[in-house]
Amino acid sequence: MGSNFDKGRAAEFLEEMRVILNHGMAATMIGIGHRVGLFDAMAGLDGAGAPSADIAAAADLDERYVREWLNTMTTAGIVTYDGKTDTYT
């Protein structure tokens, strides 16, 4: 790399790429959740939160994949997880 390489600017670019990729993944998972009915299934529950197995049953989907989706949505700040009750809202 030449003497004009700016490490600070490179670090800023790397951070911006991380944000773009994270938002892109969240958008993809939102689309998946919409297409397979997970948001509708969650809306149809009592609103107090539900375990992943209940959400999966309401959407007629495999619990393991629903749990992975819920964890991704939690990381993105779209779904809330309560570790004390093991429920998602």
PDB file of N, CA and C in Angstrom:
ATOM      1  N   MET A   1       0.829  -1.166   0.000  1.00  0.00           N
ATOM      2  CA  MET A   1       0.000   0.000   0.000  1.00  0.00           C
ATOM      3  C   MET A   1       0.879   1.236   0.000  1.00  0.00           C
ATOM      4  N   GLY A   2       0.417   2.226  -0.721  1.00  0.00           N
ATOM      5  CA  GLY A   2       1.203   3.442  -0.849  1.00  0.00           C
ATOM      6  C   GLY A   2       1.171   4.288   0.408  1.00  0.00           C
ATOM      7  N   SER A   3       1.919   5.344   0.381  1.00  0.00           N
ATOM      8  CA  SER A   3       2.017   6.225   1.533  1.00  0.00           C
ATOM      9  C   SER A   3       0.746   7.037   1.755  1.00  0.00           C
ATOM     10  N   ASN A   4      -0.191   7.015   0.806  1.00  0.00           N
ATOM     11  CA  ASN A   4      -1.443   7.762   0.943  1.00  0.00           C
ATOM     12  C   ASN A   4      -2.537   6.958   1.649  1.00  0.00           C
ATOM     13  N   PHE A   5      -2.238   5.755   2.051  1.00  0.00           N
ATOM     14  CA  PHE A   5      -3.235   4.905   2.708  1.00  0.00           C
ATOM     15  C   PHE A   5      -3.595   5.498   4.064  1.00  0.00           C
ATOM     16  N   ASP A   6      -4.881   5.702   4.278  1.00  0.00           N
ATOM     17  CA  ASP A   6      -5.379   6.306   5.516  1.00  0.00           C
ATOM     18  C   ASP A   6      -6.034   5.204   6.356  1.00  0.00           C
ATOM     19  N   LYS A   7      -5.354   4.764   7.396  1.00  0.00           N
ATOM     20  CA  LYS A   7      -5.884   3.678   8.238  1.00  0.00           C
ATOM     21  C   LYS A   7      -7.195   4.078   8.922  1.00  0.00           C
ATOM     22  N   GLY A   8      -7.311   5.326   9.328  1.00  0.00           N
ATOM     23  CA  GLY A   8      -8.548   5.790   9.964  1.00  0.00           C
ATOM     24  C   GLY A   8      -9.723   5.735   9.011  1.00  0.00           C
ATOM     25  N   ARG A   9      -9.500   6.166   7.790  1.00  0.00           N
ATOM     26  CA  ARG A   9     -10.565   6.128   6.786  1.00  0.00           C
ATOM     27  C   ARG A   9     -10.926   4.682   6.435  1.00  0.00           C
ATOM     28  N   ALA A  10      -9.941   3.820   6.384  1.00  0.00           N
ATOM     29  CA  ALA A  10     -10.196   2.401   6.113  1.00  0.00           C
ATOM     30  C   ALA A  10     -11.033   1.786   7.232  1.00  0.00           C
ATOM     31  N   ALA A  11     -10.737   2.144   8.468  1.00  0.00           N
ATOM     32  CA  ALA A  11     -11.503   1.625   9.604  1.00  0.00           C
ATOM     33  C   ALA A  11     -12.941   2.134   9.553  1.00  0.00           C
ATOM     34  N   GLU A  12     -13.140   3.388   9.178  1.00  0.00           N
ATOM     35  CA  GLU A  12     -14.489   3.939   9.034  1.00  0.00           C
ATOM     36  C   GLU A  12     -15.258   3.208   7.938  1.00  0.00           C
ATOM     37  N   PHE A  13     -14.574   2.930   6.828  1.00  0.00           N
ATOM     38  CA  PHE A  13     -15.201   2.208   5.728  1.00  0.00           C
ATOM     39  C   PHE A  13     -15.598   0.802   6.172  1.00  0.00           C
ATOM     40  N   LEU A  14     -14.730   0.134   6.891  1.00  0.00           N
ATOM     41  CA  LEU A  14     -15.019  -1.212   7.379  1.00  0.00           C
ATOM     42  C   LEU A  14     -16.238  -1.197   8.299  1.00  0.00           C
ATOM     43  N   GLU A  15     -16.335  -0.216   9.174  1.00  0.00           N
ATOM     44  CA  GLU A  15     -17.486  -0.107  10.072  1.00  0.00           C
ATOM     45  C   GLU A  15     -18.771   0.139   9.279  1.00  0.00           C
ATOM     46  N   GLU A  16     -18.702   1.011   8.283  1.00  0.00           N
ATOM     47  CA  GLU A  16     -19.877   1.287   7.452  1.00  0.00           C
ATOM     48  C   GLU A  16     -20.312   0.027   6.699  1.00  0.00           C
ATOM     49  N   MET A  17     -19.387  -0.752   6.209  1.00  0.00           N
ATOM     50  CA  MET A  17     -19.720  -2.003   5.520  1.00  0.00           C
ATOM     51  C   MET A  17     -20.380  -2.989   6.481  1.00  0.00           C
ATOM     52  N   ARG A  18     -19.905  -3.030   7.708  1.00  0.00           N
ATOM     53  CA  ARG A  18     -20.506  -3.908   8.716  1.00  0.00           C
ATOM     54  C   ARG A  18     -21.967  -3.517   8.939  1.00  0.00           C
ATOM     55  N   VAL A  19     -22.219  -2.228   9.074  1.00  0.00           N
ATOM     56  CA  VAL A  19     -23.588  -1.745   9.285  1.00  0.00           C
ATOM     57  C   VAL A  19     -24.472  -2.082   8.089  1.00  0.00           C
ATOM     58  N   ILE A  20     -23.972  -1.853   6.885  1.00  0.00           N
ATOM     59  CA  ILE A  20     -24.738  -2.158   5.676  1.00  0.00           C
ATOM     60  C   ILE A  20     -25.088  -3.642   5.608  1.00  0.00           C
ATOM     61  N   LEU A  21     -24.128  -4.497   5.872  1.00  0.00           N
ATOM     62  CA  LEU A  21     -24.377  -5.940   5.827  1.00  0.00           C
ATOM     63  C   LEU A  21     -25.360  -6.374   6.905  1.00  0.00           C
ATOM     64  N   ASN A  22     -25.232  -5.822   8.118  1.00  0.00           N
ATOM     65  CA  ASN A  22     -26.164  -6.167   9.193  1.00  0.00           C
ATOM     66  C   ASN A  22     -27.579  -5.735   8.850  1.00  0.00           C
ATOM     67  N   HIS A  23     -27.732  -4.531   8.315  1.00  0.00           N
ATOM     68  CA  HIS A  23     -29.063  -4.065   7.933  1.00  0.00           C
ATOM     69  C   HIS A  23     -29.627  -4.886   6.774  1.00  0.00           C
ATOM     70  N   GLY A  24     -28.770  -5.267   5.849  1.00  0.00           N
ATOM     71  CA  GLY A  24     -29.212  -6.104   4.742  1.00  0.00           C
ATOM     72  C   GLY A  24     -29.717  -7.452   5.222  1.00  0.00           C
ATOM     73  N   MET A  25     -29.018  -8.051   6.177  1.00  0.00           N
ATOM     74  CA  MET A  25     -29.450  -9.340   6.724  1.00  0.00           C
ATOM     75  C   MET A  25     -30.763  -9.185   7.480  1.00  0.00           C
ATOM     76  N   ALA A  26     -30.884  -8.110   8.241  1.00  0.00           N
ATOM     77  CA  ALA A  26     -32.136  -7.874   8.965  1.00  0.00           C
ATOM     78  C   ALA A  26     -33.296  -7.709   7.982  1.00  0.00           C
ATOM     79  N   ALA A  27     -33.072  -6.973   6.899  1.00  0.00           N
ATOM     80  CA  ALA A  27     -34.122  -6.781   5.899  1.00  0.00           C
ATOM     81  C   ALA A  27     -34.519  -8.106   5.262  1.00  0.00           C
ATOM     82  N   THR A  28     -33.542  -8.938   4.978  1.00  0.00           N
ATOM     83  CA  THR A  28     -33.824 -10.255   4.403  1.00  0.00           C
ATOM     84  C   THR A  28     -34.663 -11.093   5.368  1.00  0.00           C
ATOM     85  N   MET A  29     -34.305 -11.083   6.638  1.00  0.00           N
ATOM     86  CA  MET A  29     -35.039 -11.873   7.628  1.00  0.00           C
ATOM     87  C   MET A  29     -36.438 -11.316   7.868  1.00  0.00           C
ATOM     88  N   ILE A  30     -36.591  -9.999   7.777  1.00  0.00           N
ATOM     89  CA  ILE A  30     -37.932  -9.410   7.872  1.00  0.00           C
ATOM     90  C   ILE A  30     -38.794  -9.925   6.722  1.00  0.00           C
ATOM     91  N   GLY A  31     -38.235  -9.949   5.535  1.00  0.00           N
ATOM     92  CA  GLY A  31     -38.964 -10.464   4.374  1.00  0.00           C
ATOM     93  C   GLY A  31     -39.356 -11.916   4.539  1.00  0.00           C
ATOM     94  N   ILE A  32     -38.438 -12.728   5.050  1.00  0.00           N
ATOM     95  CA  ILE A  32     -38.735 -14.142   5.286  1.00  0.00           C
ATOM     96  C   ILE A  32     -39.857 -14.273   6.310  1.00  0.00           C
ATOM     97  N   GLY A  33     -39.749 -13.533   7.399  1.00  0.00           N
ATOM     98  CA  GLY A  33     -40.777 -13.594   8.445  1.00  0.00           C
ATOM     99  C   GLY A  33     -42.147 -13.205   7.913  1.00  0.00           C
ATOM    100  N   HIS A  34     -42.172 -12.221   7.057  1.00  0.00           N
ATOM    101  CA  HIS A  34     -43.444 -11.792   6.455  1.00  0.00           C
ATOM    102  C   HIS A  34     -44.004 -12.881   5.544  1.00  0.00           C
ATOM    103  N   ARG A  35     -43.152 -13.418   4.673  1.00  0.00           N
ATOM    104  CA  ARG A  35     -43.612 -14.421   3.699  1.00  0.00           C
ATOM    105  C   ARG A  35     -44.128 -15.689   4.350  1.00  0.00           C
ATOM    106  N   VAL A  36     -43.505 -16.127   5.436  1.00  0.00           N
ATOM    107  CA  VAL A  36     -43.929 -17.392   6.050  1.00  0.00           C
ATOM    108  C   VAL A  36     -44.949 -17.190   7.168  1.00  0.00           C
ATOM    109  N   GLY A  37     -45.333 -15.942   7.421  1.00  0.00           N
ATOM    110  CA  GLY A  37     -46.410 -15.685   8.371  1.00  0.00           C
ATOM    111  C   GLY A  37     -46.005 -15.558   9.826  1.00  0.00           C
ATOM    112  N   LEU A  38     -44.728 -15.349  10.096  1.00  0.00           N
ATOM    113  CA  LEU A  38     -44.304 -15.272  11.497  1.00  0.00           C
ATOM    114  C   LEU A  38     -44.798 -14.008  12.198  1.00  0.00           C
ATOM    115  N   PHE A  39     -44.803 -12.892  11.497  1.00  0.00           N
ATOM    116  CA  PHE A  39     -45.314 -11.675  12.130  1.00  0.00           C
ATOM    117  C   PHE A  39     -46.805 -11.812  12.419  1.00  0.00           C
ATOM    118  N   ASP A  40     -47.542 -12.393  11.482  1.00  0.00           N
ATOM    119  CA  ASP A  40     -48.970 -12.616  11.700  1.00  0.00           C
ATOM    120  C   ASP A  40     -49.202 -13.577  12.857  1.00  0.00           C
ATOM    121  N   ALA A  41     -48.401 -14.628  12.940  1.00  0.00           N
ATOM    122  CA  ALA A  41     -48.540 -15.598  14.028  1.00  0.00           C
ATOM    123  C   ALA A  41     -48.286 -14.934  15.372  1.00  0.00           C
ATOM    124  N   MET A  42     -47.247 -14.090  15.429  1.00  0.00           N
ATOM    125  CA  MET A  42     -46.951 -13.401  16.690  1.00  0.00           C
ATOM    126  C   MET A  42     -48.058 -12.417  17.053  1.00  0.00           C
ATOM    127  N   ALA A  43     -48.599 -11.734  16.049  1.00  0.00           N
ATOM    128  CA  ALA A  43     -49.680 -10.778  16.303  1.00  0.00           C
ATOM    129  C   ALA A  43     -50.933 -11.481  16.803  1.00  0.00           C
ATOM    130  N   GLY A  44     -51.127 -12.730  16.395  1.00  0.00           N
ATOM    131  CA  GLY A  44     -52.308 -13.479  16.798  1.00  0.00           C
ATOM    132  C   GLY A  44     -52.225 -14.064  18.196  1.00  0.00           C
ATOM    133  N   LEU A  45     -51.050 -14.004  18.809  1.00  0.00           N
ATOM    134  CA  LEU A  45     -50.904 -14.497  20.166  1.00  0.00           C
ATOM    135  C   LEU A  45     -51.330 -13.412  21.144  1.00  0.00           C
ATOM    136  N   ASP A  46     -51.367 -13.710  22.436  1.00  0.00           N
ATOM    137  CA  ASP A  46     -51.951 -12.791  23.416  1.00  0.00           C
ATOM    138  C   ASP A  46     -51.200 -11.483  23.628  1.00  0.00           C
ATOM    139  N   GLY A  47     -50.040 -11.291  23.019  1.00  0.00           N
ATOM    140  CA  GLY A  47     -49.310 -10.037  23.147  1.00  0.00           C
ATOM    141  C   GLY A  47     -48.393  -9.963  24.348  1.00  0.00           C
ATOM    142  N   ALA A  48     -48.498 -10.924  25.248  1.00  0.00           N
ATOM    143  CA  ALA A  48     -47.658 -10.914  26.446  1.00  0.00           C
ATOM    144  C   ALA A  48     -46.337 -11.631  26.205  1.00  0.00           C
ATOM    145  N   GLY A  49     -46.105 -12.070  25.008  1.00  0.00           N
ATOM    146  CA  GLY A  49     -44.899 -12.836  24.710  1.00  0.00           C
ATOM    147  C   GLY A  49     -45.212 -14.316  24.679  1.00  0.00           C
ATOM    148  N   ALA A  50     -44.436 -15.036  23.897  1.00  0.00           N
ATOM    149  CA  ALA A  50     -44.663 -16.468  23.756  1.00  0.00           C
ATOM    150  C   ALA A  50     -43.333 -17.164  23.526  1.00  0.00           C
ATOM    151  N   PRO A  51     -43.222 -18.418  23.958  1.00  0.00           N
ATOM    152  CA  PRO A  51     -42.011 -19.182  23.651  1.00  0.00           C
ATOM    153  C   PRO A  51     -41.946 -19.505  22.161  1.00  0.00           C
ATOM    154  N   SER A  52     -40.769 -19.792  21.684  1.00  0.00           N
ATOM    155  CA  SER A  52     -40.580 -20.075  20.262  1.00  0.00           C
ATOM    156  C   SER A  52     -41.444 -21.246  19.799  1.00  0.00           C
ATOM    157  N   ALA A  53     -41.663 -22.232  20.646  1.00  0.00           N
ATOM    158  CA  ALA A  53     -42.482 -23.383  20.250  1.00  0.00           C
ATOM    159  C   ALA A  53     -43.923 -22.965  19.958  1.00  0.00           C
ATOM    160  N   ASP A  54     -44.458 -22.043  20.743  1.00  0.00           N
ATOM    161  CA  ASP A  54     -45.828 -21.573  20.514  1.00  0.00           C
ATOM    162  C   ASP A  54     -45.928 -20.752  19.231  1.00  0.00           C
ATOM    163  N   ILE A  55     -44.908 -19.939  18.985  1.00  0.00           N
ATOM    164  CA  ILE A  55     -44.900 -19.133  17.769  1.00  0.00           C
ATOM    165  C   ILE A  55     -44.782 -20.042  16.550  1.00  0.00           C
ATOM    166  N   ALA A  56     -43.915 -21.043  16.647  1.00  0.00           N
ATOM    167  CA  ALA A  56     -43.747 -21.993  15.549  1.00  0.00           C
ATOM    168  C   ALA A  56     -45.049 -22.745  15.285  1.00  0.00           C
ATOM    169  N   ALA A  57     -45.719 -23.174  16.343  1.00  0.00           N
ATOM    170  CA  ALA A  57     -46.984 -23.898  16.173  1.00  0.00           C
ATOM    171  C   ALA A  57     -48.038 -22.997  15.529  1.00  0.00           C
ATOM    172  N   ALA A  58     -48.090 -21.737  15.947  1.00  0.00           N
ATOM    173  CA  ALA A  58     -49.068 -20.806  15.383  1.00  0.00           C
ATOM    174  C   ALA A  58     -48.814 -20.557  13.894  1.00  0.00           C
ATOM    175  N   ALA A  59     -47.556 -20.634  13.482  1.00  0.00           N
ATOM    176  CA  ALA A  59     -47.203 -20.415  12.074  1.00  0.00           C
ATOM    177  C   ALA A  59     -47.091 -21.720  11.291  1.00  0.00           C
ATOM    178  N   ASP A  60     -47.246 -22.851  11.988  1.00  0.00           N
ATOM    179  CA  ASP A  60     -47.102 -24.178  11.382  1.00  0.00           C
ATOM    180  C   ASP A  60     -45.722 -24.343  10.741  1.00  0.00           C
ATOM    181  N   LEU A  61     -44.684 -23.979  11.527  1.00  0.00           N
ATOM    182  CA  LEU A  61     -43.303 -24.069  11.071  1.00  0.00           C
ATOM    183  C   LEU A  61     -42.468 -24.833  12.091  1.00  0.00           C
ATOM    184  N   ASP A  62     -41.305 -25.281  11.688  1.00  0.00           N
ATOM    185  CA  ASP A  62     -40.380 -26.002  12.556  1.00  0.00           C
ATOM    186  C   ASP A  62     -39.819 -25.061  13.625  1.00  0.00           C
ATOM    187  N   GLU A  63     -39.895 -25.461  14.878  1.00  0.00           N
ATOM    188  CA  GLU A  63     -39.474 -24.612  15.999  1.00  0.00           C
ATOM    189  C   GLU A  63     -38.022 -24.197  15.893  1.00  0.00           C
ATOM    190  N   ARG A  64     -37.144 -25.075  15.486  1.00  0.00           N
ATOM    191  CA  ARG A  64     -35.712 -24.758  15.425  1.00  0.00           C
ATOM    192  C   ARG A  64     -35.454 -23.565  14.523  1.00  0.00           C
ATOM    193  N   TYR A  65     -36.083 -23.538  13.358  1.00  0.00           N
ATOM    194  CA  TYR A  65     -35.878 -22.437  12.418  1.00  0.00           C
ATOM    195  C   TYR A  65     -36.557 -21.155  12.899  1.00  0.00           C
ATOM    196  N   VAL A  66     -37.704 -21.312  13.526  1.00  0.00           N
ATOM    197  CA  VAL A  66     -38.393 -20.150  14.079  1.00  0.00           C
ATOM    198  C   VAL A  66     -37.547 -19.531  15.186  1.00  0.00           C
ATOM    199  N   ARG A  67     -36.954 -20.358  16.021  1.00  0.00           N
ATOM    200  CA  ARG A  67     -36.091 -19.851  17.098  1.00  0.00           C
ATOM    201  C   ARG A  67     -34.905 -19.078  16.530  1.00  0.00           C
ATOM    202  N   GLU A  68     -34.289 -19.593  15.470  1.00  0.00           N
ATOM    203  CA  GLU A  68     -33.171 -18.889  14.830  1.00  0.00           C
ATOM    204  C   GLU A  68     -33.642 -17.549  14.267  1.00  0.00           C
ATOM    205  N   TRP A  69     -34.813 -17.547  13.647  1.00  0.00           N
ATOM    206  CA  TRP A  69     -35.364 -16.307  13.109  1.00  0.00           C
ATOM    207  C   TRP A  69     -35.634 -15.312  14.238  1.00  0.00           C
ATOM    208  N   LEU A  70     -36.236 -15.790  15.318  1.00  0.00           N
ATOM    209  CA  LEU A  70     -36.524 -14.926  16.463  1.00  0.00           C
ATOM    210  C   LEU A  70     -35.244 -14.329  17.046  1.00  0.00           C
ATOM    211  N   ASN A  71     -34.209 -15.133  17.139  1.00  0.00           N
ATOM    212  CA  ASN A  71     -32.940 -14.623  17.674  1.00  0.00           C
ATOM    213  C   ASN A  71     -32.343 -13.559  16.761  1.00  0.00           C
ATOM    214  N   THR A  72     -32.472 -13.739  15.461  1.00  0.00           N
ATOM    215  CA  THR A  72     -32.003 -12.725  14.517  1.00  0.00           C
ATOM    216  C   THR A  72     -32.822 -11.449  14.668  1.00  0.00           C
ATOM    217  N   MET A  73     -34.131 -11.581  14.783  1.00  0.00           N
ATOM    218  CA  MET A  73     -34.988 -10.413  14.968  1.00  0.00           C
ATOM    219  C   MET A  73     -34.709  -9.717  16.298  1.00  0.00           C
ATOM    220  N   THR A  74     -34.348 -10.487  17.310  1.00  0.00           N
ATOM    221  CA  THR A  74     -33.984  -9.904  18.602  1.00  0.00           C
ATOM    222  C   THR A  74     -32.693  -9.114  18.481  1.00  0.00           C
ATOM    223  N   THR A  75     -31.709  -9.677  17.813  1.00  0.00           N
ATOM    224  CA  THR A  75     -30.444  -8.987  17.601  1.00  0.00           C
ATOM    225  C   THR A  75     -30.646  -7.694  16.828  1.00  0.00           C
ATOM    226  N   ALA A  76     -31.575  -7.696  15.887  1.00  0.00           N
ATOM    227  CA  ALA A  76     -31.866  -6.503  15.082  1.00  0.00           C
ATOM    228  C   ALA A  76     -32.714  -5.486  15.844  1.00  0.00           C
ATOM    229  N   GLY A  77     -33.217  -5.858  17.017  1.00  0.00           N
ATOM    230  CA  GLY A  77     -34.010  -4.938  17.821  1.00  0.00           C
ATOM    231  C   GLY A  77     -35.473  -4.874  17.420  1.00  0.00           C
ATOM    232  N   ILE A  78     -35.936  -5.852  16.667  1.00  0.00           N
ATOM    233  CA  ILE A  78     -37.315  -5.870  16.191  1.00  0.00           C
ATOM    234  C   ILE A  78     -38.208  -6.684  17.128  1.00  0.00           C
ATOM    235  N   VAL A  79     -37.660  -7.738  17.687  1.00  0.00           N
ATOM    236  CA  VAL A  79     -38.358  -8.602  18.640  1.00  0.00           C
ATOM    237  C   VAL A  79     -37.640  -8.475  19.977  1.00  0.00           C
ATOM    238  N   THR A  80     -38.385  -8.588  21.055  1.00  0.00           N
ATOM    239  CA  THR A  80     -37.814  -8.539  22.405  1.00  0.00           C
ATOM    240  C   THR A  80     -37.833  -9.936  23.002  1.00  0.00           C
ATOM    241  N   TYR A  81     -36.729 -10.312  23.632  1.00  0.00           N
ATOM    242  CA  TYR A  81     -36.626 -11.626  24.289  1.00  0.00           C
ATOM    243  C   TYR A  81     -36.553 -11.429  25.790  1.00  0.00           C
ATOM    244  N   ASP A  82     -37.333 -12.204  26.537  1.00  0.00           N
ATOM    245  CA  ASP A  82     -37.293 -12.200  28.000  1.00  0.00           C
ATOM    246  C   ASP A  82     -36.670 -13.511  28.456  1.00  0.00           C
ATOM    247  N   GLY A  83     -35.435 -13.437  28.902  1.00  0.00           N
ATOM    248  CA  GLY A  83     -34.719 -14.626  29.333  1.00  0.00           C
ATOM    249  C   GLY A  83     -35.298 -15.303  30.560  1.00  0.00           C
ATOM    250  N   LYS A  84     -35.997 -14.549  31.403  1.00  0.00           N
ATOM    251  CA  LYS A  84     -36.601 -15.126  32.612  1.00  0.00           C
ATOM    252  C   LYS A  84     -37.756 -16.057  32.259  1.00  0.00           C
ATOM    253  N   THR A  85     -38.524 -15.668  31.245  1.00  0.00           N
ATOM    254  CA  THR A  85     -39.684 -16.479  30.861  1.00  0.00           C
ATOM    255  C   THR A  85     -39.483 -17.221  29.555  1.00  0.00           C
ATOM    256  N   ASP A  86     -38.330 -17.005  28.913  1.00  0.00           N
ATOM    257  CA  ASP A  86     -38.003 -17.627  27.627  1.00  0.00           C
ATOM    258  C   ASP A  86     -39.077 -17.330  26.586  1.00  0.00           C
ATOM    259  N   THR A  87     -39.504 -16.060  26.541  1.00  0.00           N
ATOM    260  CA  THR A  87     -40.551 -15.669  25.611  1.00  0.00           C
ATOM    261  C   THR A  87     -40.086 -14.520  24.710  1.00  0.00           C
ATOM    262  N   TYR A  88     -40.735 -14.430  23.575  1.00  0.00           N
ATOM    263  CA  TYR A  88     -40.459 -13.398  22.572  1.00  0.00           C
ATOM    264  C   TYR A  88     -41.712 -12.545  22.372  1.00  0.00           C
ATOM    265  N   THR A  89     -41.511 -11.239  22.225  1.00  0.00           N
ATOM    266  CA  THR A  89     -42.611 -10.306  21.983  1.00  0.00           C
ATOM    267  C   THR A  89     -42.259  -9.461  20.780  1.00  0.00           C
TER     268      THR A  89
END
